[in-house]
Amino acid sequence: FKLSRLKRLLAHKNCPYLIELVKADLTSQKQPLDDLEFCCQYRD
């Protein structure tokens, strides 16, 4: 992503809930978490 798109999304007030939803979703499908982990690392 461009930084502007990434930052807007990760700074959104509901982002913690989205991260939790995506993690549960990907885990239930046994999909890789690489993109999600990148987002968590960048945000933190």
PDB file of all heavy atoms in Angstrom:
ATOM      1  N   PHE A   1       0.835  -1.212   0.000  1.00  0.00           N
ATOM      2  CA  PHE A   1       0.000   0.000   0.000  1.00  0.00           C
ATOM      3  C   PHE A   1       0.868   1.259   0.000  1.00  0.00           C
ATOM      4  O   PHE A   1       1.976   1.276   0.543  1.00  0.00           O
ATOM      5  CB  PHE A   1      -0.876   0.067   1.253  1.00  0.00           C
ATOM      6  CG  PHE A   1      -2.009  -0.923   1.286  1.00  0.00           C
ATOM      7  CD1 PHE A   1      -2.828  -1.005   2.413  1.00  0.00           C
ATOM      8  CD2 PHE A   1      -2.280  -1.766   0.220  1.00  0.00           C
ATOM      9  CE1 PHE A   1      -3.864  -1.900   2.470  1.00  0.00           C
ATOM     10  CE2 PHE A   1      -3.324  -2.677   0.276  1.00  0.00           C
ATOM     11  CZ  PHE A   1      -4.116  -2.744   1.402  1.00  0.00           C
ATOM     12  N   LYS A   2       0.341   2.340  -0.583  1.00  0.00           N
ATOM     13  CA  LYS A   2       0.921   3.659  -0.355  1.00  0.00           C
ATOM     14  C   LYS A   2       0.778   3.973   1.126  1.00  0.00           C
ATOM     15  O   LYS A   2      -0.173   3.533   1.775  1.00  0.00           O
ATOM     16  CB  LYS A   2       0.190   4.715  -1.185  1.00  0.00           C
ATOM     17  CG  LYS A   2       0.446   4.634  -2.680  1.00  0.00           C
ATOM     18  CD  LYS A   2      -0.293   5.748  -3.401  1.00  0.00           C
ATOM     19  CE  LYS A   2       0.233   7.128  -2.998  1.00  0.00           C
ATOM     20  NZ  LYS A   2      -0.418   8.216  -3.768  1.00  0.00           N
ATOM     21  N   LEU A   3       1.713   4.754   1.643  1.00  0.00           N
ATOM     22  CA  LEU A   3       1.673   5.072   3.061  1.00  0.00           C
ATOM     23  C   LEU A   3       0.363   5.735   3.475  1.00  0.00           C
ATOM     24  O   LEU A   3      -0.174   5.476   4.555  1.00  0.00           O
ATOM     25  CB  LEU A   3       2.846   5.978   3.429  1.00  0.00           C
ATOM     26  CG  LEU A   3       4.206   5.295   3.616  1.00  0.00           C
ATOM     27  CD1 LEU A   3       5.285   6.345   3.890  1.00  0.00           C
ATOM     28  CD2 LEU A   3       4.149   4.277   4.747  1.00  0.00           C
ATOM     29  N   SER A   4      -0.159   6.613   2.626  1.00  0.00           N
ATOM     30  CA  SER A   4      -1.397   7.316   2.961  1.00  0.00           C
ATOM     31  C   SER A   4      -2.543   6.332   3.163  1.00  0.00           C
ATOM     32  O   SER A   4      -3.324   6.454   4.120  1.00  0.00           O
ATOM     33  CB  SER A   4      -1.755   8.337   1.879  1.00  0.00           C
ATOM     34  OG  SER A   4      -1.797   7.726   0.597  1.00  0.00           O
ATOM     35  N   ARG A   5      -2.657   5.360   2.297  1.00  0.00           N
ATOM     36  CA  ARG A   5      -3.731   4.364   2.425  1.00  0.00           C
ATOM     37  C   ARG A   5      -3.517   3.509   3.670  1.00  0.00           C
ATOM     38  O   ARG A   5      -4.460   3.259   4.430  1.00  0.00           O
ATOM     39  CB  ARG A   5      -3.763   3.484   1.176  1.00  0.00           C
ATOM     40  CG  ARG A   5      -4.813   2.374   1.229  1.00  0.00           C
ATOM     41  CD  ARG A   5      -4.760   1.507  -0.016  1.00  0.00           C
ATOM     42  NE  ARG A   5      -5.664   0.376   0.058  1.00  0.00           N
ATOM     43  CZ  ARG A   5      -5.710  -0.613  -0.835  1.00  0.00           C
ATOM     44  NH1 ARG A   5      -4.893  -0.583  -1.896  1.00  0.00           N
ATOM     45  NH2 ARG A   5      -6.565  -1.604  -0.695  1.00  0.00           N
ATOM     46  N   LEU A   6      -2.294   3.075   3.886  1.00  0.00           N
ATOM     47  CA  LEU A   6      -1.982   2.227   5.031  1.00  0.00           C
ATOM     48  C   LEU A   6      -2.247   2.964   6.344  1.00  0.00           C
ATOM     49  O   LEU A   6      -2.891   2.432   7.256  1.00  0.00           O
ATOM     50  CB  LEU A   6      -0.521   1.769   4.959  1.00  0.00           C
ATOM     51  CG  LEU A   6      -0.041   0.868   6.100  1.00  0.00           C
ATOM     52  CD1 LEU A   6      -0.759  -0.470   6.055  1.00  0.00           C
ATOM     53  CD2 LEU A   6       1.475   0.670   6.020  1.00  0.00           C
ATOM     54  N   LYS A   7      -1.756   4.199   6.430  1.00  0.00           N
ATOM     55  CA  LYS A   7      -1.895   4.951   7.673  1.00  0.00           C
ATOM     56  C   LYS A   7      -3.352   5.273   7.980  1.00  0.00           C
ATOM     57  O   LYS A   7      -3.795   5.195   9.132  1.00  0.00           O
ATOM     58  CB  LYS A   7      -1.076   6.230   7.609  1.00  0.00           C
ATOM     59  CG  LYS A   7       0.437   6.009   7.668  1.00  0.00           C
ATOM     60  CD  LYS A   7       1.168   7.344   7.550  1.00  0.00           C
ATOM     61  CE  LYS A   7       2.669   7.178   7.590  1.00  0.00           C
ATOM     62  NZ  LYS A   7       3.366   8.483   7.461  1.00  0.00           N
ATOM     63  N   ARG A   8      -4.104   5.677   6.953  1.00  0.00           N
ATOM     64  CA  ARG A   8      -5.520   5.990   7.185  1.00  0.00           C
ATOM     65  C   ARG A   8      -6.254   4.777   7.769  1.00  0.00           C
ATOM     66  O   ARG A   8      -7.073   4.912   8.678  1.00  0.00           O
ATOM     67  CB  ARG A   8      -6.192   6.413   5.877  1.00  0.00           C
ATOM     68  CG  ARG A   8      -5.869   7.827   5.417  1.00  0.00           C
ATOM     69  CD  ARG A   8      -6.661   8.144   4.151  1.00  0.00           C
ATOM     70  NE  ARG A   8      -6.269   9.404   3.556  1.00  0.00           N
ATOM     71  CZ  ARG A   8      -6.719  10.595   3.937  1.00  0.00           C
ATOM     72  NH1 ARG A   8      -7.583  10.665   4.940  1.00  0.00           N
ATOM     73  NH2 ARG A   8      -6.308  11.695   3.340  1.00  0.00           N
ATOM     74  N   LEU A   9      -5.970   3.626   7.221  1.00  0.00           N
ATOM     75  CA  LEU A   9      -6.646   2.413   7.668  1.00  0.00           C
ATOM     76  C   LEU A   9      -6.214   2.032   9.085  1.00  0.00           C
ATOM     77  O   LEU A   9      -7.046   1.750   9.953  1.00  0.00           O
ATOM     78  CB  LEU A   9      -6.362   1.266   6.698  1.00  0.00           C
ATOM     79  CG  LEU A   9      -7.124  -0.048   6.936  1.00  0.00           C
ATOM     80  CD1 LEU A   9      -8.626   0.193   6.938  1.00  0.00           C
ATOM     81  CD2 LEU A   9      -6.753  -1.060   5.863  1.00  0.00           C
ATOM     82  N   LEU A  10      -4.910   2.046   9.335  1.00  0.00           N
ATOM     83  CA  LEU A  10      -4.410   1.613  10.639  1.00  0.00           C
ATOM     84  C   LEU A  10      -4.691   2.628  11.736  1.00  0.00           C
ATOM     85  O   LEU A  10      -4.682   2.278  12.926  1.00  0.00           O
ATOM     86  CB  LEU A  10      -2.910   1.321  10.555  1.00  0.00           C
ATOM     87  CG  LEU A  10      -2.493   0.199   9.583  1.00  0.00           C
ATOM     88  CD1 LEU A  10      -1.001  -0.071   9.693  1.00  0.00           C
ATOM     89  CD2 LEU A  10      -3.297  -1.077   9.861  1.00  0.00           C
ATOM     90  N   ALA A  11      -4.926   3.888  11.365  1.00  0.00           N
ATOM     91  CA  ALA A  11      -5.246   4.911  12.364  1.00  0.00           C
ATOM     92  C   ALA A  11      -6.741   4.994  12.649  1.00  0.00           C
ATOM     93  O   ALA A  11      -7.162   5.701  13.570  1.00  0.00           O
ATOM     94  CB  ALA A  11      -4.743   6.277  11.890  1.00  0.00           C
ATOM     95  N   HIS A  12      -7.549   4.274  11.871  1.00  0.00           N
ATOM     96  CA  HIS A  12      -8.994   4.320  12.060  1.00  0.00           C
ATOM     97  C   HIS A  12      -9.347   3.821  13.464  1.00  0.00           C
ATOM     98  O   HIS A  12      -8.772   2.857  13.960  1.00  0.00           O
ATOM     99  CB  HIS A  12      -9.685   3.445  11.000  1.00  0.00           C
ATOM    100  CG  HIS A  12     -11.143   3.694  10.871  1.00  0.00           C
ATOM    101  ND1 HIS A  12     -12.063   3.235  11.785  1.00  0.00           N
ATOM    102  CD2 HIS A  12     -11.863   4.376   9.921  1.00  0.00           C
ATOM    103  CE1 HIS A  12     -13.273   3.596  11.412  1.00  0.00           C
ATOM    104  NE2 HIS A  12     -13.184   4.285  10.292  1.00  0.00           N
ATOM    105  N   LYS A  13     -10.319   4.471  14.083  1.00  0.00           N
ATOM    106  CA  LYS A  13     -10.678   4.126  15.466  1.00  0.00           C
ATOM    107  C   LYS A  13     -11.144   2.681  15.619  1.00  0.00           C
ATOM    108  O   LYS A  13     -11.036   2.096  16.710  1.00  0.00           O
ATOM    109  CB  LYS A  13     -11.751   5.072  15.987  1.00  0.00           C
ATOM    110  CG  LYS A  13     -13.069   4.988  15.220  1.00  0.00           C
ATOM    111  CD  LYS A  13     -14.099   5.957  15.785  1.00  0.00           C
ATOM    112  CE  LYS A  13     -15.419   5.857  15.026  1.00  0.00           C
ATOM    113  NZ  LYS A  13     -16.443   6.795  15.574  1.00  0.00           N
ATOM    114  N   ASN A  14     -11.662   2.096  14.549  1.00  0.00           N
ATOM    115  CA  ASN A  14     -12.166   0.720  14.622  1.00  0.00           C
ATOM    116  C   ASN A  14     -11.139  -0.318  14.177  1.00  0.00           C
ATOM    117  O   ASN A  14     -11.463  -1.505  14.107  1.00  0.00           O
ATOM    118  CB  ASN A  14     -13.433   0.577  13.771  1.00  0.00           C
ATOM    119  CG  ASN A  14     -14.571   1.434  14.279  1.00  0.00           C
ATOM    120  OD1 ASN A  14     -14.724   1.629  15.488  1.00  0.00           O
ATOM    121  ND2 ASN A  14     -15.374   1.966  13.373  1.00  0.00           N
ATOM    122  N   CYS A  15      -9.917   0.142  13.883  1.00  0.00           N
ATOM    123  CA  CYS A  15      -8.896  -0.782  13.381  1.00  0.00           C
ATOM    124  C   CYS A  15      -8.606  -1.952  14.324  1.00  0.00           C
ATOM    125  O   CYS A  15      -8.431  -3.078  13.859  1.00  0.00           O
ATOM    126  CB  CYS A  15      -7.608  -0.020  13.066  1.00  0.00           C
ATOM    127  SG  CYS A  15      -6.346  -1.053  12.299  1.00  0.00           S
ATOM    128  N   PRO A  16      -8.548  -1.754  15.656  1.00  0.00           N
ATOM    129  CA  PRO A  16      -8.289  -2.906  16.537  1.00  0.00           C
ATOM    130  C   PRO A  16      -9.321  -4.014  16.368  1.00  0.00           C
ATOM    131  O   PRO A  16      -8.979  -5.204  16.418  1.00  0.00           O
ATOM    132  CB  PRO A  16      -8.350  -2.294  17.944  1.00  0.00           C
ATOM    133  CG  PRO A  16      -7.973  -0.870  17.747  1.00  0.00           C
ATOM    134  CD  PRO A  16      -8.570  -0.485  16.417  1.00  0.00           C
ATOM    135  N   TYR A  17     -10.598  -3.637  16.134  1.00  0.00           N
ATOM    136  CA  TYR A  17     -11.634  -4.636  15.921  1.00  0.00           C
ATOM    137  C   TYR A  17     -11.446  -5.321  14.567  1.00  0.00           C
ATOM    138  O   TYR A  17     -11.663  -6.533  14.429  1.00  0.00           O
ATOM    139  CB  TYR A  17     -13.022  -4.000  15.992  1.00  0.00           C
ATOM    140  CG  TYR A  17     -13.305  -3.321  17.307  1.00  0.00           C
ATOM    141  CD1 TYR A  17     -13.821  -2.026  17.343  1.00  0.00           C
ATOM    142  CD2 TYR A  17     -13.046  -3.952  18.518  1.00  0.00           C
ATOM    143  CE1 TYR A  17     -14.078  -1.395  18.547  1.00  0.00           C
ATOM    144  CE2 TYR A  17     -13.299  -3.323  19.727  1.00  0.00           C
ATOM    145  CZ  TYR A  17     -13.815  -2.047  19.739  1.00  0.00           C
ATOM    146  OH  TYR A  17     -14.068  -1.423  20.930  1.00  0.00           O
ATOM    147  N   LEU A  18     -11.041  -4.537  13.558  1.00  0.00           N
ATOM    148  CA  LEU A  18     -10.819  -5.111  12.234  1.00  0.00           C
ATOM    149  C   LEU A  18      -9.672  -6.117  12.275  1.00  0.00           C
ATOM    150  O   LEU A  18      -9.762  -7.203  11.692  1.00  0.00           O
ATOM    151  CB  LEU A  18     -10.520  -4.002  11.220  1.00  0.00           C
ATOM    152  CG  LEU A  18     -10.240  -4.472   9.786  1.00  0.00           C
ATOM    153  CD1 LEU A  18     -11.445  -5.211   9.207  1.00  0.00           C
ATOM    154  CD2 LEU A  18      -9.855  -3.297   8.894  1.00  0.00           C
ATOM    155  N   ILE A  19      -8.596  -5.764  12.948  1.00  0.00           N
ATOM    156  CA  ILE A  19      -7.452  -6.675  13.070  1.00  0.00           C
ATOM    157  C   ILE A  19      -7.886  -7.979  13.739  1.00  0.00           C
ATOM    158  O   ILE A  19      -7.520  -9.074  13.306  1.00  0.00           O
ATOM    159  CB  ILE A  19      -6.306  -5.998  13.854  1.00  0.00           C
ATOM    160  CG1 ILE A  19      -5.650  -4.918  12.985  1.00  0.00           C
ATOM    161  CG2 ILE A  19      -5.273  -7.020  14.321  1.00  0.00           C
ATOM    162  CD1 ILE A  19      -4.609  -4.085  13.707  1.00  0.00           C
ATOM    163  N   GLU A  20      -8.694  -7.866  14.789  1.00  0.00           N
ATOM    164  CA  GLU A  20      -9.182  -9.053  15.488  1.00  0.00           C
ATOM    165  C   GLU A  20     -10.063  -9.901  14.581  1.00  0.00           C
ATOM    166  O   GLU A  20      -9.949 -11.139  14.552  1.00  0.00           O
ATOM    167  CB  GLU A  20      -9.972  -8.619  16.724  1.00  0.00           C
ATOM    168  CG  GLU A  20     -10.528  -9.749  17.560  1.00  0.00           C
ATOM    169  CD  GLU A  20      -9.482 -10.440  18.425  1.00  0.00           C
ATOM    170  OE1 GLU A  20      -8.316 -10.001  18.413  1.00  0.00           O
ATOM    171  OE2 GLU A  20      -9.824 -11.417  19.105  1.00  0.00           O
ATOM    172  N   LEU A  21     -10.934  -9.250  13.813  1.00  0.00           N
ATOM    173  CA  LEU A  21     -11.815  -9.964  12.890  1.00  0.00           C
ATOM    174  C   LEU A  21     -11.008 -10.692  11.822  1.00  0.00           C
ATOM    175  O   LEU A  21     -11.242 -11.878  11.536  1.00  0.00           O
ATOM    176  CB  LEU A  21     -12.783  -8.978  12.232  1.00  0.00           C
ATOM    177  CG  LEU A  21     -13.738  -9.561  11.184  1.00  0.00           C
ATOM    178  CD1 LEU A  21     -14.805 -10.412  11.849  1.00  0.00           C
ATOM    179  CD2 LEU A  21     -14.395  -8.454  10.371  1.00  0.00           C
ATOM    180  N   VAL A  22     -10.051  -9.988  11.225  1.00  0.00           N
ATOM    181  CA  VAL A  22      -9.238 -10.578  10.148  1.00  0.00           C
ATOM    182  C   VAL A  22      -8.408 -11.752  10.682  1.00  0.00           C
ATOM    183  O   VAL A  22      -8.293 -12.790  10.032  1.00  0.00           O
ATOM    184  CB  VAL A  22      -8.325  -9.502   9.520  1.00  0.00           C
ATOM    185  CG1 VAL A  22      -7.340 -10.145   8.545  1.00  0.00           C
ATOM    186  CG2 VAL A  22      -9.164  -8.456   8.802  1.00  0.00           C
ATOM    187  N   LYS A  23      -7.870 -11.589  11.868  1.00  0.00           N
ATOM    188  CA  LYS A  23      -7.081 -12.677  12.457  1.00  0.00           C
ATOM    189  C   LYS A  23      -7.932 -13.925  12.662  1.00  0.00           C
ATOM    190  O   LYS A  23      -7.526 -15.039  12.302  1.00  0.00           O
ATOM    191  CB  LYS A  23      -6.487 -12.226  13.789  1.00  0.00           C
ATOM    192  CG  LYS A  23      -5.607 -13.288  14.445  1.00  0.00           C
ATOM    193  CD  LYS A  23      -5.032 -12.779  15.758  1.00  0.00           C
ATOM    194  CE  LYS A  23      -4.168 -13.860  16.419  1.00  0.00           C
ATOM    195  NZ  LYS A  23      -3.621 -13.395  17.720  1.00  0.00           N
ATOM    196  N   ALA A  24      -9.125 -13.745  13.236  1.00  0.00           N
ATOM    197  CA  ALA A  24     -10.021 -14.888  13.453  1.00  0.00           C
ATOM    198  C   ALA A  24     -10.463 -15.501  12.131  1.00  0.00           C
ATOM    199  O   ALA A  24     -10.558 -16.726  11.994  1.00  0.00           O
ATOM    200  CB  ALA A  24     -11.235 -14.441  14.269  1.00  0.00           C
ATOM    201  N   ASP A  25     -10.694 -14.643  11.131  1.00  0.00           N
ATOM    202  CA  ASP A  25     -11.131 -15.106   9.819  1.00  0.00           C
ATOM    203  C   ASP A  25     -10.042 -15.934   9.131  1.00  0.00           C
ATOM    204  O   ASP A  25     -10.282 -17.050   8.670  1.00  0.00           O
ATOM    205  CB  ASP A  25     -11.524 -13.907   8.962  1.00  0.00           C
ATOM    206  CG  ASP A  25     -12.152 -14.302   7.638  1.00  0.00           C
ATOM    207  OD1 ASP A  25     -12.706 -15.424   7.557  1.00  0.00           O
ATOM    208  OD2 ASP A  25     -12.087 -13.502   6.687  1.00  0.00           O
ATOM    209  N   LEU A  26      -8.838 -15.384   9.076  1.00  0.00           N
ATOM    210  CA  LEU A  26      -7.733 -16.088   8.406  1.00  0.00           C
ATOM    211  C   LEU A  26      -7.382 -17.382   9.137  1.00  0.00           C
ATOM    212  O   LEU A  26      -7.112 -18.410   8.508  1.00  0.00           O
ATOM    213  CB  LEU A  26      -6.507 -15.182   8.330  1.00  0.00           C
ATOM    214  CG  LEU A  26      -6.628 -13.955   7.427  1.00  0.00           C
ATOM    215  CD1 LEU A  26      -5.380 -13.083   7.536  1.00  0.00           C
ATOM    216  CD2 LEU A  26      -6.865 -14.362   5.970  1.00  0.00           C
ATOM    217  N   THR A  27      -7.404 -17.337  10.454  1.00  0.00           N
ATOM    218  CA  THR A  27      -7.080 -18.535  11.236  1.00  0.00           C
ATOM    219  C   THR A  27      -8.098 -19.635  10.998  1.00  0.00           C
ATOM    220  O   THR A  27      -7.739 -20.812  10.879  1.00  0.00           O
ATOM    221  CB  THR A  27      -7.007 -18.184  12.736  1.00  0.00           C
ATOM    222  OG1 THR A  27      -6.030 -17.160  12.940  1.00  0.00           O
ATOM    223  CG2 THR A  27      -6.620 -19.409  13.559  1.00  0.00           C
ATOM    224  N   SER A  28      -9.374 -19.259  10.901  1.00  0.00           N
ATOM    225  CA  SER A  28     -10.421 -20.269  10.671  1.00  0.00           C
ATOM    226  C   SER A  28     -10.268 -20.942   9.317  1.00  0.00           C
ATOM    227  O   SER A  28     -10.690 -22.081   9.129  1.00  0.00           O
ATOM    228  CB  SER A  28     -11.811 -19.624  10.782  1.00  0.00           C
ATOM    229  OG  SER A  28     -12.085 -18.792   9.658  1.00  0.00           O
ATOM    230  N   GLN A  29      -9.667 -20.216   8.362  1.00  0.00           N
ATOM    231  CA  GLN A  29      -9.455 -20.769   7.024  1.00  0.00           C
ATOM    232  C   GLN A  29      -8.049 -21.344   6.844  1.00  0.00           C
ATOM    233  O   GLN A  29      -7.693 -21.786   5.748  1.00  0.00           O
ATOM    234  CB  GLN A  29      -9.684 -19.678   5.978  1.00  0.00           C
ATOM    235  CG  GLN A  29     -11.075 -19.084   5.988  1.00  0.00           C
ATOM    236  CD  GLN A  29     -11.232 -18.021   4.922  1.00  0.00           C
ATOM    237  OE1 GLN A  29     -11.083 -18.293   3.723  1.00  0.00           O
ATOM    238  NE2 GLN A  29     -11.510 -16.796   5.333  1.00  0.00           N
ATOM    239  N   LYS A  30      -7.264 -21.277   7.924  1.00  0.00           N
ATOM    240  CA  LYS A  30      -5.870 -21.749   7.889  1.00  0.00           C
ATOM    241  C   LYS A  30      -5.071 -21.029   6.805  1.00  0.00           C
ATOM    242  O   LYS A  30      -4.283 -21.640   6.068  1.00  0.00           O
ATOM    243  CB  LYS A  30      -5.824 -23.269   7.687  1.00  0.00           C
ATOM    244  CG  LYS A  30      -6.487 -24.045   8.816  1.00  0.00           C
ATOM    245  CD  LYS A  30      -6.400 -25.546   8.618  1.00  0.00           C
ATOM    246  CE  LYS A  30      -7.064 -26.285   9.780  1.00  0.00           C
ATOM    247  NZ  LYS A  30      -7.020 -27.756   9.623  1.00  0.00           N
ATOM    248  N   GLN A  31      -5.314 -19.707   6.699  1.00  0.00           N
ATOM    249  CA  GLN A  31      -4.613 -18.865   5.733  1.00  0.00           C
ATOM    250  C   GLN A  31      -3.428 -18.177   6.408  1.00  0.00           C
ATOM    251  O   GLN A  31      -3.435 -17.955   7.618  1.00  0.00           O
ATOM    252  CB  GLN A  31      -5.569 -17.802   5.180  1.00  0.00           C
ATOM    253  CG  GLN A  31      -6.727 -18.355   4.359  1.00  0.00           C
ATOM    254  CD  GLN A  31      -6.266 -18.990   3.060  1.00  0.00           C
ATOM    255  OE1 GLN A  31      -5.420 -18.455   2.361  1.00  0.00           O
ATOM    256  NE2 GLN A  31      -6.821 -20.164   2.762  1.00  0.00           N
ATOM    257  N   PRO A  32      -2.400 -17.822   5.661  1.00  0.00           N
ATOM    258  CA  PRO A  32      -1.237 -17.144   6.249  1.00  0.00           C
ATOM    259  C   PRO A  32      -1.601 -15.778   6.830  1.00  0.00           C
ATOM    260  O   PRO A  32      -2.504 -15.097   6.339  1.00  0.00           O
ATOM    261  CB  PRO A  32      -0.261 -17.012   5.071  1.00  0.00           C
ATOM    262  CG  PRO A  32      -1.101 -17.145   3.843  1.00  0.00           C
ATOM    263  CD  PRO A  32      -2.223 -18.070   4.203  1.00  0.00           C
ATOM    264  N   LEU A  33      -0.865 -15.380   7.865  1.00  0.00           N
ATOM    265  CA  LEU A  33      -1.140 -14.127   8.567  1.00  0.00           C
ATOM    266  C   LEU A  33      -0.108 -13.051   8.269  1.00  0.00           C
ATOM    267  O   LEU A  33      -0.019 -12.050   8.990  1.00  0.00           O
ATOM    268  CB  LEU A  33      -1.189 -14.382  10.080  1.00  0.00           C
ATOM    269  CG  LEU A  33      -2.178 -15.446  10.585  1.00  0.00           C
ATOM    270  CD1 LEU A  33      -2.051 -15.600  12.096  1.00  0.00           C
ATOM    271  CD2 LEU A  33      -3.606 -15.077  10.216  1.00  0.00           C
ATOM    272  N   ASP A  34       0.682 -13.223   7.197  1.00  0.00           N
ATOM    273  CA  ASP A  34       1.789 -12.312   6.922  1.00  0.00           C
ATOM    274  C   ASP A  34       1.342 -10.853   6.811  1.00  0.00           C
ATOM    275  O   ASP A  34       1.950  -9.959   7.427  1.00  0.00           O
ATOM    276  CB  ASP A  34       2.503 -12.727   5.627  1.00  0.00           C
ATOM    277  CG  ASP A  34       3.107 -14.118   5.728  1.00  0.00           C
ATOM    278  OD1 ASP A  34       2.955 -14.745   6.787  1.00  0.00           O
ATOM    279  OD2 ASP A  34       3.728 -14.570   4.762  1.00  0.00           O
ATOM    280  N   ASP A  35       0.304 -10.593   6.016  1.00  0.00           N
ATOM    281  CA  ASP A  35      -0.163  -9.209   5.828  1.00  0.00           C
ATOM    282  C   ASP A  35      -0.660  -8.625   7.139  1.00  0.00           C
ATOM    283  O   ASP A  35      -0.403  -7.457   7.459  1.00  0.00           O
ATOM    284  CB  ASP A  35      -1.281  -9.155   4.784  1.00  0.00           C
ATOM    285  CG  ASP A  35      -0.776  -9.474   3.379  1.00  0.00           C
ATOM    286  OD1 ASP A  35       0.451  -9.428   3.174  1.00  0.00           O
ATOM    287  OD2 ASP A  35      -1.616  -9.766   2.510  1.00  0.00           O
ATOM    288  N   LEU A  36      -1.372  -9.443   7.899  1.00  0.00           N
ATOM    289  CA  LEU A  36      -1.904  -8.984   9.178  1.00  0.00           C
ATOM    290  C   LEU A  36      -0.773  -8.678  10.159  1.00  0.00           C
ATOM    291  O   LEU A  36      -0.799  -7.653  10.853  1.00  0.00           O
ATOM    292  CB  LEU A  36      -2.829 -10.049   9.770  1.00  0.00           C
ATOM    293  CG  LEU A  36      -3.470  -9.715  11.117  1.00  0.00           C
ATOM    294  CD1 LEU A  36      -4.422  -8.544  10.973  1.00  0.00           C
ATOM    295  CD2 LEU A  36      -4.186 -10.925  11.697  1.00  0.00           C
ATOM    296  N   GLU A  37       0.212  -9.541  10.192  1.00  0.00           N
ATOM    297  CA  GLU A  37       1.341  -9.327  11.102  1.00  0.00           C
ATOM    298  C   GLU A  37       2.114  -8.068  10.724  1.00  0.00           C
ATOM    299  O   GLU A  37       2.586  -7.327  11.598  1.00  0.00           O
ATOM    300  CB  GLU A  37       2.249 -10.555  11.094  1.00  0.00           C
ATOM    301  CG  GLU A  37       1.608 -11.767  11.792  1.00  0.00           C
ATOM    302  CD  GLU A  37       2.399 -13.045  11.609  1.00  0.00           C
ATOM    303  OE1 GLU A  37       3.387 -13.033  10.827  1.00  0.00           O
ATOM    304  OE2 GLU A  37       2.031 -14.057  12.235  1.00  0.00           O
ATOM    305  N   PHE A  38       2.233  -7.798   9.418  1.00  0.00           N
ATOM    306  CA  PHE A  38       2.871  -6.566   8.975  1.00  0.00           C
ATOM    307  C   PHE A  38       2.113  -5.357   9.519  1.00  0.00           C
ATOM    308  O   PHE A  38       2.716  -4.401  10.032  1.00  0.00           O
ATOM    309  CB  PHE A  38       2.936  -6.515   7.444  1.00  0.00           C
ATOM    310  CG  PHE A  38       3.289  -5.161   6.895  1.00  0.00           C
ATOM    311  CD1 PHE A  38       4.612  -4.737   6.835  1.00  0.00           C
ATOM    312  CD2 PHE A  38       2.293  -4.288   6.462  1.00  0.00           C
ATOM    313  CE1 PHE A  38       4.932  -3.469   6.356  1.00  0.00           C
ATOM    314  CE2 PHE A  38       2.595  -3.031   5.981  1.00  0.00           C
ATOM    315  CZ  PHE A  38       3.927  -2.621   5.925  1.00  0.00           C
ATOM    316  N   CYS A  39       0.786  -5.396   9.388  1.00  0.00           N
ATOM    317  CA  CYS A  39      -0.048  -4.283   9.857  1.00  0.00           C
ATOM    318  C   CYS A  39       0.104  -4.082  11.368  1.00  0.00           C
ATOM    319  O   CYS A  39       0.211  -2.941  11.843  1.00  0.00           O
ATOM    320  CB  CYS A  39      -1.510  -4.536   9.517  1.00  0.00           C
ATOM    321  SG  CYS A  39      -1.896  -4.424   7.752  1.00  0.00           S
ATOM    322  N   CYS A  40       0.086  -5.168  12.106  1.00  0.00           N
ATOM    323  CA  CYS A  40       0.216  -5.072  13.555  1.00  0.00           C
ATOM    324  C   CYS A  40       1.577  -4.489  13.941  1.00  0.00           C
ATOM    325  O   CYS A  40       1.659  -3.626  14.835  1.00  0.00           O
ATOM    326  CB  CYS A  40       0.025  -6.444  14.197  1.00  0.00           C
ATOM    327  SG  CYS A  40      -1.657  -7.088  14.058  1.00  0.00           S
ATOM    328  N   GLN A  41       2.623  -4.958  13.272  1.00  0.00           N
ATOM    329  CA  GLN A  41       3.969  -4.460  13.564  1.00  0.00           C
ATOM    330  C   GLN A  41       4.071  -2.970  13.229  1.00  0.00           C
ATOM    331  O   GLN A  41       4.598  -2.180  14.017  1.00  0.00           O
ATOM    332  CB  GLN A  41       5.008  -5.243  12.742  1.00  0.00           C
ATOM    333  CG  GLN A  41       5.242  -6.665  13.225  1.00  0.00           C
ATOM    334  CD  GLN A  41       6.016  -6.708  14.536  1.00  0.00           C
ATOM    335  OE1 GLN A  41       6.894  -5.889  14.787  1.00  0.00           O
ATOM    336  NE2 GLN A  41       5.673  -7.662  15.382  1.00  0.00           N
ATOM    337  N   TYR A  42       3.564  -2.586  12.060  1.00  0.00           N
ATOM    338  CA  TYR A  42       3.629  -1.187  11.651  1.00  0.00           C
ATOM    339  C   TYR A  42       2.847  -0.301  12.616  1.00  0.00           C
ATOM    340  O   TYR A  42       3.325   0.759  13.035  1.00  0.00           O
ATOM    341  CB  TYR A  42       3.085  -1.025  10.227  1.00  0.00           C
ATOM    342  CG  TYR A  42       3.355   0.337   9.637  1.00  0.00           C
ATOM    343  CD1 TYR A  42       4.492   0.558   8.867  1.00  0.00           C
ATOM    344  CD2 TYR A  42       2.498   1.408   9.869  1.00  0.00           C
ATOM    345  CE1 TYR A  42       4.761   1.814   8.337  1.00  0.00           C
ATOM    346  CE2 TYR A  42       2.748   2.667   9.356  1.00  0.00           C
ATOM    347  CZ  TYR A  42       3.887   2.861   8.581  1.00  0.00           C
ATOM    348  OH  TYR A  42       4.165   4.101   8.087  1.00  0.00           O
ATOM    349  N   ARG A  43       1.649  -0.745  12.980  1.00  0.00           N
ATOM    350  CA  ARG A  43       0.797   0.051  13.865  1.00  0.00           C
ATOM    351  C   ARG A  43       1.409   0.178  15.259  1.00  0.00           C
ATOM    352  O   ARG A  43       1.358   1.244  15.876  1.00  0.00           O
ATOM    353  CB  ARG A  43      -0.587  -0.615  13.957  1.00  0.00           C
ATOM    354  CG  ARG A  43      -1.659   0.238  14.617  1.00  0.00           C
ATOM    355  CD  ARG A  43      -3.022  -0.440  14.461  1.00  0.00           C
ATOM    356  NE  ARG A  43      -4.076   0.442  14.934  1.00  0.00           N
ATOM    357  CZ  ARG A  43      -4.483   0.510  16.194  1.00  0.00           C
ATOM    358  NH1 ARG A  43      -3.904  -0.257  17.098  1.00  0.00           N
ATOM    359  NH2 ARG A  43      -5.452   1.334  16.553  1.00  0.00           N
ATOM    360  N   ASP A  44       1.995  -0.901  15.752  1.00  0.00           N
ATOM    361  CA  ASP A  44       2.538  -0.899  17.107  1.00  0.00           C
ATOM    362  C   ASP A  44       3.832  -0.098  17.223  1.00  0.00           C
ATOM    363  O   ASP A  44       4.138   0.429  18.295  1.00  0.00           O
ATOM    364  CB  ASP A  44       2.788  -2.333  17.582  1.00  0.00           C
ATOM    365  CG  ASP A  44       1.481  -3.104  17.801  1.00  0.00           C
ATOM    366  OD1 ASP A  44       0.426  -2.447  17.899  1.00  0.00           O
ATOM    367  OD2 ASP A  44       1.527  -4.344  17.873  1.00  0.00           O
TER     368      ASP A  44
END
